[in-house]
Amino acid sequence: MIEKKFELRSDQAYIPLNKLLQVLGYAQTGGHAKLIIQNEEVLVNNLIETRVRNKLVQGDVVNIQGTLIEII
């Protein structure tokens, strides 16, 4: 399992899940991110996440394609 960290900018309280997938290259477009999420391919804090714009905050852990991404 690969582990990564994603650091929020100082002016960012959260990042939407669909944007995180795009920024990190797991989704090519917003529509692609939506499909990945709705197909239940993403876990947030060990629970299947189907909310496309779920607000990820510090301490959340996203699991996608065998990679753990901690939001810091």
C-alpha atoms as a PDB file:
ATOM      1  CA  MET A   1       0.000   0.000   0.000  1.00  0.00           C
ATOM      2  CA  ILE A   2       1.290   3.428  -0.967  1.00  0.00           C
ATOM      3  CA  GLU A   3       0.900   6.298   1.482  1.00  0.00           C
ATOM      4  CA  LYS A   4       0.813   9.954   0.450  1.00  0.00           C
ATOM      5  CA  LYS A   5       0.087  13.242   2.169  1.00  0.00           C
ATOM      6  CA  PHE A   6      -1.874  16.142   0.711  1.00  0.00           C
ATOM      7  CA  GLU A   7      -1.327  19.479   2.413  1.00  0.00           C
ATOM      8  CA  LEU A   8      -4.124  22.027   2.402  1.00  0.00           C
ATOM      9  CA  ARG A   9      -3.078  25.591   1.661  1.00  0.00           C
ATOM     10  CA  SER A  10      -3.162  27.968   4.622  1.00  0.00           C
ATOM     11  CA  ASP A  11      -6.244  29.699   3.155  1.00  0.00           C
ATOM     12  CA  GLN A  12      -8.043  26.378   2.574  1.00  0.00           C
ATOM     13  CA  ALA A  13     -10.283  24.873   5.254  1.00  0.00           C
ATOM     14  CA  TYR A  14     -11.127  21.850   3.069  1.00  0.00           C
ATOM     15  CA  ILE A  15     -10.857  20.379  -0.418  1.00  0.00           C
ATOM     16  CA  PRO A  16     -13.786  18.702  -2.183  1.00  0.00           C
ATOM     17  CA  LEU A  17     -13.206  15.008  -2.869  1.00  0.00           C
ATOM     18  CA  ASN A  18     -13.721  15.401  -6.632  1.00  0.00           C
ATOM     19  CA  LYS A  19     -11.092  18.171  -6.788  1.00  0.00           C
ATOM     20  CA  LEU A  20      -8.594  16.082  -4.798  1.00  0.00           C
ATOM     21  CA  LEU A  21      -8.938  13.236  -7.293  1.00  0.00           C
ATOM     22  CA  GLN A  22      -8.319  15.655 -10.172  1.00  0.00           C
ATOM     23  CA  VAL A  23      -5.341  17.394  -8.536  1.00  0.00           C
ATOM     24  CA  LEU A  24      -3.631  14.096  -7.759  1.00  0.00           C
ATOM     25  CA  GLY A  25      -4.293  12.667 -11.219  1.00  0.00           C
ATOM     26  CA  TYR A  26      -6.736   9.896 -10.300  1.00  0.00           C
ATOM     27  CA  ALA A  27      -9.415  11.591 -12.428  1.00  0.00           C
ATOM     28  CA  GLN A  28      -8.925  13.445 -15.692  1.00  0.00           C
ATOM     29  CA  THR A  29     -12.049  15.602 -15.396  1.00  0.00           C
ATOM     30  CA  GLY A  30     -14.760  16.441 -12.909  1.00  0.00           C
ATOM     31  CA  GLY A  31     -17.078  14.020 -14.676  1.00  0.00           C
ATOM     32  CA  HIS A  32     -14.492  11.257 -14.430  1.00  0.00           C
ATOM     33  CA  ALA A  33     -14.084  11.973 -10.697  1.00  0.00           C
ATOM     34  CA  LYS A  34     -17.864  11.776 -10.259  1.00  0.00           C
ATOM     35  CA  LEU A  35     -17.963   8.354 -11.932  1.00  0.00           C
ATOM     36  CA  ILE A  36     -15.125   7.016  -9.776  1.00  0.00           C
ATOM     37  CA  ILE A  37     -16.859   8.205  -6.614  1.00  0.00           C
ATOM     38  CA  GLN A  38     -20.337   6.995  -7.612  1.00  0.00           C
ATOM     39  CA  ASN A  39     -18.907   3.576  -8.542  1.00  0.00           C
ATOM     40  CA  GLU A  40     -17.860   3.262  -4.871  1.00  0.00           C
ATOM     41  CA  GLU A  41     -14.147   3.100  -5.689  1.00  0.00           C
ATOM     42  CA  VAL A  42     -13.178   5.595  -2.966  1.00  0.00           C
ATOM     43  CA  LEU A  43     -13.067   5.177   0.801  1.00  0.00           C
ATOM     44  CA  VAL A  44     -12.892   8.130   3.171  1.00  0.00           C
ATOM     45  CA  ASN A  45     -11.919   7.237   6.735  1.00  0.00           C
ATOM     46  CA  ASN A  46     -12.509   3.540   5.886  1.00  0.00           C
ATOM     47  CA  LEU A  47     -16.102   4.101   4.708  1.00  0.00           C
ATOM     48  CA  ILE A  48     -17.337   4.008   1.105  1.00  0.00           C
ATOM     49  CA  GLU A  49     -17.893   7.601  -0.004  1.00  0.00           C
ATOM     50  CA  THR A  50     -20.465   8.461  -2.672  1.00  0.00           C
ATOM     51  CA  ARG A  51     -20.747  12.217  -2.064  1.00  0.00           C
ATOM     52  CA  VAL A  52     -18.919  13.828  -4.980  1.00  0.00           C
ATOM     53  CA  ARG A  53     -18.165  17.109  -3.205  1.00  0.00           C
ATOM     54  CA  ASN A  54     -17.509  15.689   0.253  1.00  0.00           C
ATOM     55  CA  LYS A  55     -15.424  18.269   2.126  1.00  0.00           C
ATOM     56  CA  LEU A  56     -12.114  16.723   3.156  1.00  0.00           C
ATOM     57  CA  VAL A  57     -10.441  18.358   6.155  1.00  0.00           C
ATOM     58  CA  GLN A  58      -7.195  17.814   8.046  1.00  0.00           C
ATOM     59  CA  GLY A  59      -7.013  14.290   9.441  1.00  0.00           C
ATOM     60  CA  ASP A  60      -9.209  12.666   6.792  1.00  0.00           C
ATOM     61  CA  VAL A  61      -7.738   9.649   5.001  1.00  0.00           C
ATOM     62  CA  VAL A  62      -8.748   8.788   1.427  1.00  0.00           C
ATOM     63  CA  ASN A  63      -8.171   5.304   0.024  1.00  0.00           C
ATOM     64  CA  ILE A  64      -8.187   4.981  -3.760  1.00  0.00           C
ATOM     65  CA  GLN A  65      -6.597   2.309  -5.931  1.00  0.00           C
ATOM     66  CA  GLY A  66      -4.501   0.958  -3.068  1.00  0.00           C
ATOM     67  CA  THR A  67      -3.157   4.382  -2.108  1.00  0.00           C
ATOM     68  CA  LEU A  68      -3.811   6.059   1.239  1.00  0.00           C
ATOM     69  CA  ILE A  69      -3.873   9.851   1.073  1.00  0.00           C
ATOM     70  CA  GLU A  70      -3.826  11.715   4.371  1.00  0.00           C
ATOM     71  CA  ILE A  71      -5.095  15.291   4.355  1.00  0.00           C
ATOM     72  CA  ILE A  72      -2.767  17.477   6.427  1.00  0.00           C
END
